[in-house]
Amino acid sequence: MTARIPATASLAVPQPTDLFLPLIPLVPVAVYHVILVYNVRTHPNSTVFGLSSASRSSWVSQLLQGNKEILAVQQMRNLIMVSTIMASGTVVAAIGTCNLFASSSAGVQNHTAQMWVLLLLLGLAFFCFAQAMRYFNLVTLGLTVRMLAWPHSFPEHPTPTQRVNSCCQTPSSASSDSQEVTAAADLLTTSESSSLLNHNDTSIPHDSIYHHHMIETNEHMHAVSWLCNAFHRGALFHTLGMRSSYCLFPVLASCVGCVAMVGTTGLLLGLLYVSDYFPGVEFSGVITDALDGEV
């Protein structure tokens, strides 16, 4: 008498309604974020993203103007740690999702589409958090390098007016020649300013202290712009990773039923609206300038 081997359970082919069911709650979430991007572009003063973008730009600019290496490294370390924890959490959640649906044949057969959508969202979240860590590390290196290189290159130097006063004004003729000295100082200031603005002017030697100072200032502005763009991109990837994690809840609710899916989607949209907008609050116009070219 031979023992009968039980037949292995086969994966049931999901119906078209089962395929589109976990994608239904993602449609209103996507529409909400399209409207959010439009509002960030047109009315940044009323959104959290506008305030955050302006704060990041101001933070980078202020750090490069003083010896604040420790503050910069500590803040970027905190951001990297948050992205690292979230990336690790998405990996653990993906492993748990696979084990949960593989533990029972009924779960695999009835919720195949939900499982793949969950894994897709978790993979997208992990990718975004990994990219956020990458850009945050890049900003940390850029901040420390620029702090060591700027602005210690040149000491304070007298202005053209002070140089004329020190050269032309003597104790005996200070009161009688004050008007002539002032006129000469104004003339020298105007001529030097026009020469500095003209890149083709050869009247100022290339080793002039002001020529080097202009070059250094230009490089500093490029460094601030580059670091701000990298910082904004890292924050954008972190936000995308968080939003992908938020979308897991409506998809999980679709495994319970349509009523739970609709309720969870509405609750998620309400919470996102409360956390993304500042109704009736207006900030300074610098937010609009900081958002130029950024999302």
Protein backbone atom coordinates (compact mmCIF):
# COMPACT_ATOMS: atom_id res chain seq x y z
CA MET A 1 0.00 0.00 0.00
CA THR A 2 1.64 3.17 -1.18
CA ALA A 3 1.23 6.57 0.43
CA ARG A 4 -0.55 9.15 -1.62
CA ILE A 5 1.46 12.30 -2.29
CA PRO A 6 -0.69 15.45 -2.00
CA ALA A 7 -0.83 17.62 -5.05
CA THR A 8 1.02 20.92 -4.83
CA ALA A 9 -1.05 24.06 -4.84
CA SER A 10 -0.77 26.03 -8.03
CA LEU A 11 -0.98 29.79 -8.36
CA ALA A 12 -4.37 30.89 -9.57
CA VAL A 13 -4.42 33.34 -12.42
CA PRO A 14 -5.78 36.63 -11.03
CA GLN A 15 -8.82 38.15 -12.62
CA PRO A 16 -8.60 41.57 -14.33
CA THR A 17 -10.47 43.14 -11.43
CA ASP A 18 -7.93 41.69 -9.02
CA LEU A 19 -5.09 43.16 -11.06
CA PHE A 20 -6.50 46.70 -11.06
CA LEU A 21 -7.84 46.67 -7.50
CA PRO A 22 -4.51 47.49 -5.75
CA LEU A 23 -3.81 50.21 -8.34
CA ILE A 24 -7.09 52.03 -7.77
CA PRO A 25 -6.03 53.79 -4.51
CA LEU A 26 -2.80 54.94 -6.15
CA VAL A 27 -4.68 57.03 -8.73
CA PRO A 28 -6.07 59.67 -6.33
CA VAL A 29 -2.73 59.77 -4.51
CA ALA A 30 -0.97 60.47 -7.83
CA VAL A 31 -3.50 63.19 -8.71
CA TYR A 32 -2.97 64.78 -5.29
CA HIS A 33 0.79 64.95 -5.83
CA VAL A 34 0.36 66.47 -9.31
CA ILE A 35 -1.71 69.25 -7.73
CA LEU A 36 0.87 69.57 -4.96
CA VAL A 37 3.71 70.06 -7.45
CA TYR A 38 1.66 72.72 -9.24
CA ASN A 39 1.02 74.56 -5.98
CA VAL A 40 4.70 74.36 -5.03
CA ARG A 41 5.58 75.96 -8.35
CA THR A 42 2.92 78.66 -8.27
CA HIS A 43 2.28 79.28 -4.54
CA PRO A 44 5.37 78.07 -2.68
CA ASN A 45 4.67 80.37 0.28
CA SER A 46 1.77 78.19 1.41
CA THR A 47 3.52 74.80 1.20
CA VAL A 48 5.93 72.99 3.47
CA PHE A 49 8.13 72.21 0.48
CA GLY A 50 8.61 75.91 -0.26
CA LEU A 51 9.69 76.65 3.30
CA SER A 52 11.97 73.60 3.40
CA SER A 53 13.65 74.48 0.11
CA ALA A 54 14.30 78.07 1.19
CA SER A 55 15.60 76.88 4.56
CA ARG A 56 18.03 74.45 2.94
CA SER A 57 19.39 77.13 0.60
CA SER A 58 19.84 79.60 3.44
CA TRP A 59 21.41 76.92 5.63
CA VAL A 60 24.05 76.02 3.05
CA SER A 61 24.86 79.67 2.37
CA GLN A 62 25.24 80.47 6.07
CA LEU A 63 27.44 77.45 6.74
CA LEU A 64 29.91 78.47 4.05
CA GLN A 65 30.35 81.91 5.63
CA GLY A 66 31.82 80.73 8.92
CA ASN A 67 33.64 77.95 10.73
CA LYS A 68 30.67 75.63 11.24
CA GLU A 69 32.09 72.31 10.05
CA ILE A 70 30.90 70.42 13.14
CA LEU A 71 27.35 71.70 12.79
CA ALA A 72 27.24 70.76 9.10
CA VAL A 73 28.59 67.25 9.67
CA GLN A 74 26.22 66.59 12.57
CA GLN A 75 23.16 67.74 10.66
CA MET A 76 24.03 65.75 7.54
CA ARG A 77 24.81 62.72 9.69
CA ASN A 78 21.32 62.90 11.17
CA LEU A 79 19.77 63.04 7.70
CA ILE A 80 21.87 60.10 6.51
CA MET A 81 20.88 58.07 9.57
CA VAL A 82 17.18 58.70 8.93
CA SER A 83 17.49 57.58 5.31
CA THR A 84 19.52 54.54 6.39
CA ILE A 85 16.90 53.47 8.93
CA MET A 86 14.09 53.89 6.40
CA ALA A 87 15.99 51.94 3.74
CA SER A 88 16.63 49.11 6.20
CA GLY A 89 12.96 49.15 7.17
CA THR A 90 11.84 48.77 3.56
CA VAL A 91 14.09 45.74 3.10
CA VAL A 92 12.71 44.12 6.25
CA ALA A 93 9.16 44.90 5.13
CA ALA A 94 9.81 43.35 1.71
CA ILE A 95 11.13 40.16 3.31
CA GLY A 96 8.16 40.06 5.68
CA THR A 97 5.73 40.54 2.80
CA CYS A 98 7.21 37.63 0.90
CA ASN A 99 7.07 35.39 3.97
CA LEU A 100 3.50 36.44 4.77
CA PHE A 101 2.10 35.65 1.34
CA ALA A 102 4.17 32.49 0.96
CA SER A 103 3.07 31.04 4.31
CA SER A 104 -0.44 30.20 3.07
CA SER A 105 -1.54 29.05 -0.34
CA ALA A 106 -4.82 30.95 -0.01
CA GLY A 107 -2.99 34.24 0.42
CA VAL A 108 -0.86 33.60 -2.64
CA GLN A 109 -3.84 32.66 -4.77
CA ASN A 110 -6.17 35.47 -3.69
CA HIS A 111 -3.76 38.40 -3.33
CA THR A 112 -1.10 37.90 -5.97
CA ALA A 113 -1.57 41.38 -7.45
CA GLN A 114 -1.40 43.06 -4.03
CA MET A 115 1.82 41.24 -3.23
CA TRP A 116 3.54 42.42 -6.40
CA VAL A 117 2.36 46.01 -5.94
CA LEU A 118 3.63 46.00 -2.36
CA LEU A 119 7.00 44.66 -3.43
CA LEU A 120 7.17 47.25 -6.20
CA LEU A 121 6.46 50.10 -3.77
CA LEU A 122 8.98 48.77 -1.26
CA GLY A 123 11.64 48.45 -3.96
CA LEU A 124 10.95 52.01 -5.13
CA ALA A 125 11.17 53.29 -1.55
CA PHE A 126 14.49 51.51 -0.99
CA PHE A 127 15.92 52.97 -4.20
CA CYS A 128 14.85 56.50 -3.23
CA PHE A 129 16.29 56.24 0.27
CA ALA A 130 19.57 54.87 -1.12
CA GLN A 131 19.80 57.81 -3.54
CA ALA A 132 19.02 60.23 -0.69
CA MET A 133 21.94 58.81 1.30
CA ARG A 134 24.16 59.18 -1.74
CA TYR A 135 23.35 62.87 -2.23
CA PHE A 136 23.54 63.65 1.48
CA ASN A 137 27.04 62.15 1.57
CA LEU A 138 27.94 64.24 -1.47
CA VAL A 139 26.69 67.41 0.23
CA THR A 140 28.69 66.56 3.36
CA LEU A 141 31.91 66.24 1.38
CA GLY A 142 31.18 69.41 -0.58
CA LEU A 143 30.44 71.43 2.55
CA THR A 144 33.60 70.39 4.37
CA VAL A 145 35.83 70.98 1.33
CA ARG A 146 34.41 74.43 0.64
CA MET A 147 34.68 75.41 4.30
CA LEU A 148 38.39 74.61 4.27
CA ALA A 149 38.98 76.50 1.01
CA TRP A 150 36.78 79.58 1.55
CA PRO A 151 36.83 82.35 2.72
CA HIS A 152 40.32 82.31 4.31
CA SER A 153 42.24 83.17 1.12
CA PHE A 154 42.43 86.94 1.45
CA PRO A 155 42.60 89.26 4.48
CA GLU A 156 40.74 92.51 4.82
CA HIS A 157 42.05 95.30 2.59
CA PRO A 158 41.34 99.04 2.54
CA THR A 159 38.78 100.39 0.13
CA PRO A 160 39.81 102.79 -2.68
CA THR A 161 38.49 105.73 -0.66
CA GLN A 162 40.56 104.76 2.36
CA ARG A 163 43.68 104.36 0.22
CA VAL A 164 43.28 107.83 -1.30
CA ASN A 165 42.68 109.36 2.12
CA SER A 166 45.75 107.68 3.59
CA CYS A 167 47.98 108.68 0.66
CA CYS A 168 46.80 112.20 -0.03
CA GLN A 169 45.68 113.52 3.31
CA THR A 170 48.37 114.86 5.68
CA PRO A 171 47.96 116.43 9.11
CA SER A 172 48.84 119.92 7.81
CA SER A 173 46.51 119.92 4.82
CA ALA A 174 43.71 117.75 6.15
CA SER A 175 41.26 120.60 6.60
CA SER A 176 42.12 122.55 3.41
CA ASP A 177 42.22 119.67 0.93
CA SER A 178 39.31 117.59 2.21
CA GLN A 179 37.05 118.40 -0.74
CA GLU A 180 39.75 117.58 -3.32
CA VAL A 181 40.56 114.29 -1.58
CA THR A 182 36.91 113.28 -1.51
CA ALA A 183 36.49 114.06 -5.22
CA ALA A 184 39.61 112.07 -6.08
CA ALA A 185 38.39 109.17 -3.98
CA ASP A 186 35.03 109.12 -5.72
CA LEU A 187 36.73 109.26 -9.13
CA LEU A 188 39.05 106.39 -8.23
CA THR A 189 36.20 104.31 -6.83
CA THR A 190 34.16 104.79 -10.02
CA SER A 191 37.09 103.93 -12.30
CA GLU A 192 38.05 100.82 -10.35
CA SER A 193 34.45 99.60 -10.20
CA SER A 194 34.02 99.97 -13.96
CA SER A 195 37.32 98.23 -14.57
CA LEU A 196 36.41 95.30 -12.33
CA LEU A 197 33.12 94.84 -14.13
CA ASN A 198 34.83 94.86 -17.53
CA HIS A 199 36.47 91.47 -18.05
CA ASN A 200 38.43 92.67 -21.11
CA ASP A 201 40.04 95.59 -19.27
CA THR A 202 43.80 95.11 -18.88
CA SER A 203 44.40 98.16 -16.69
CA ILE A 204 44.22 95.98 -13.56
CA PRO A 205 46.94 93.32 -13.40
CA HIS A 206 45.87 89.71 -13.11
CA ASP A 207 47.57 89.37 -9.74
CA SER A 208 45.51 92.21 -8.28
CA ILE A 209 43.95 91.41 -4.93
CA TYR A 210 40.53 92.54 -6.11
CA HIS A 211 40.73 90.45 -9.27
CA HIS A 212 41.41 87.34 -7.21
CA HIS A 213 38.69 88.31 -4.77
CA MET A 214 36.15 88.53 -7.61
CA ILE A 215 37.20 85.12 -8.89
CA GLU A 216 36.93 83.66 -5.39
CA THR A 217 33.49 85.18 -4.88
CA ASN A 218 32.30 83.80 -8.22
CA GLU A 219 33.55 80.33 -7.30
CA HIS A 220 31.82 80.62 -3.94
CA MET A 221 28.49 81.42 -5.60
CA HIS A 222 28.86 78.44 -7.94
CA ALA A 223 29.68 76.21 -4.97
CA VAL A 224 26.60 77.39 -3.07
CA SER A 225 24.37 76.78 -6.10
CA TRP A 226 25.84 73.32 -6.70
CA LEU A 227 25.54 72.27 -3.05
CA CYS A 228 21.97 73.57 -2.84
CA ASN A 229 20.97 71.61 -5.94
CA ALA A 230 22.51 68.43 -4.55
CA PHE A 231 20.84 69.02 -1.19
CA HIS A 232 17.45 69.61 -2.85
CA ARG A 233 17.82 66.45 -4.91
CA GLY A 234 18.65 64.35 -1.86
CA ALA A 235 15.64 65.78 -0.01
CA LEU A 236 13.47 65.06 -3.05
CA PHE A 237 14.55 61.41 -3.13
CA HIS A 238 13.89 61.13 0.60
CA THR A 239 10.40 62.57 0.11
CA LEU A 240 9.66 60.16 -2.74
CA GLY A 241 10.75 57.26 -0.55
CA MET A 242 8.44 58.41 2.25
CA ARG A 243 5.50 58.84 -0.14
CA SER A 244 6.07 55.36 -1.55
CA SER A 245 5.94 54.01 1.98
CA TYR A 246 2.68 55.86 2.63
CA CYS A 247 1.09 54.21 -0.41
CA LEU A 248 1.56 50.80 1.21
CA PHE A 249 -1.41 51.34 3.55
CA PRO A 250 -4.15 51.67 0.87
CA VAL A 251 -2.72 48.67 -0.98
CA LEU A 252 -2.76 46.61 2.22
CA ALA A 253 -6.31 47.77 2.89
CA SER A 254 -7.36 46.49 -0.54
CA CYS A 255 -6.64 42.97 0.73
CA VAL A 256 -9.44 43.44 3.28
CA GLY A 257 -12.06 44.95 1.03
CA CYS A 258 -13.14 47.92 -1.05
CA VAL A 259 -14.61 49.82 1.90
CA ALA A 260 -11.36 49.59 3.85
CA MET A 261 -9.41 50.62 0.75
CA VAL A 262 -11.53 53.72 0.14
CA GLY A 263 -11.45 54.72 3.81
CA THR A 264 -7.69 54.30 4.08
CA THR A 265 -7.12 56.28 0.88
CA GLY A 266 -9.29 59.16 2.09
CA LEU A 267 -7.57 59.18 5.47
CA LEU A 268 -4.15 59.20 3.81
CA LEU A 269 -5.05 62.12 1.53
CA GLY A 270 -6.39 64.11 4.47
CA LEU A 271 -3.24 63.56 6.51
CA LEU A 272 -1.03 64.48 3.55
CA TYR A 273 -2.96 67.70 2.99
CA VAL A 274 -2.62 68.71 6.62
CA SER A 275 1.13 68.01 6.60
CA ASP A 276 1.89 69.61 3.20
CA TYR A 277 0.13 72.97 3.39
CA PHE A 278 0.12 76.05 5.60
CA PRO A 279 -3.38 77.51 5.01
CA GLY A 280 -3.51 81.26 5.53
CA VAL A 281 0.22 81.60 6.28
CA GLU A 282 2.49 83.74 4.08
CA PHE A 283 6.26 83.72 4.31
CA SER A 284 8.80 86.09 2.77
CA GLY A 285 9.28 86.25 -0.98
CA VAL A 286 12.73 84.68 -0.70
CA ILE A 287 11.01 81.28 -0.87
CA THR A 288 10.05 81.92 -4.48
CA ASP A 289 13.66 82.71 -5.35
CA ALA A 290 14.95 79.62 -3.57
CA LEU A 291 12.52 77.42 -5.50
CA ASP A 292 13.75 78.62 -8.89
CA GLY A 293 14.44 75.43 -10.84
CA GLU A 294 13.60 73.12 -7.93
CA VAL A 295 10.64 70.94 -7.03
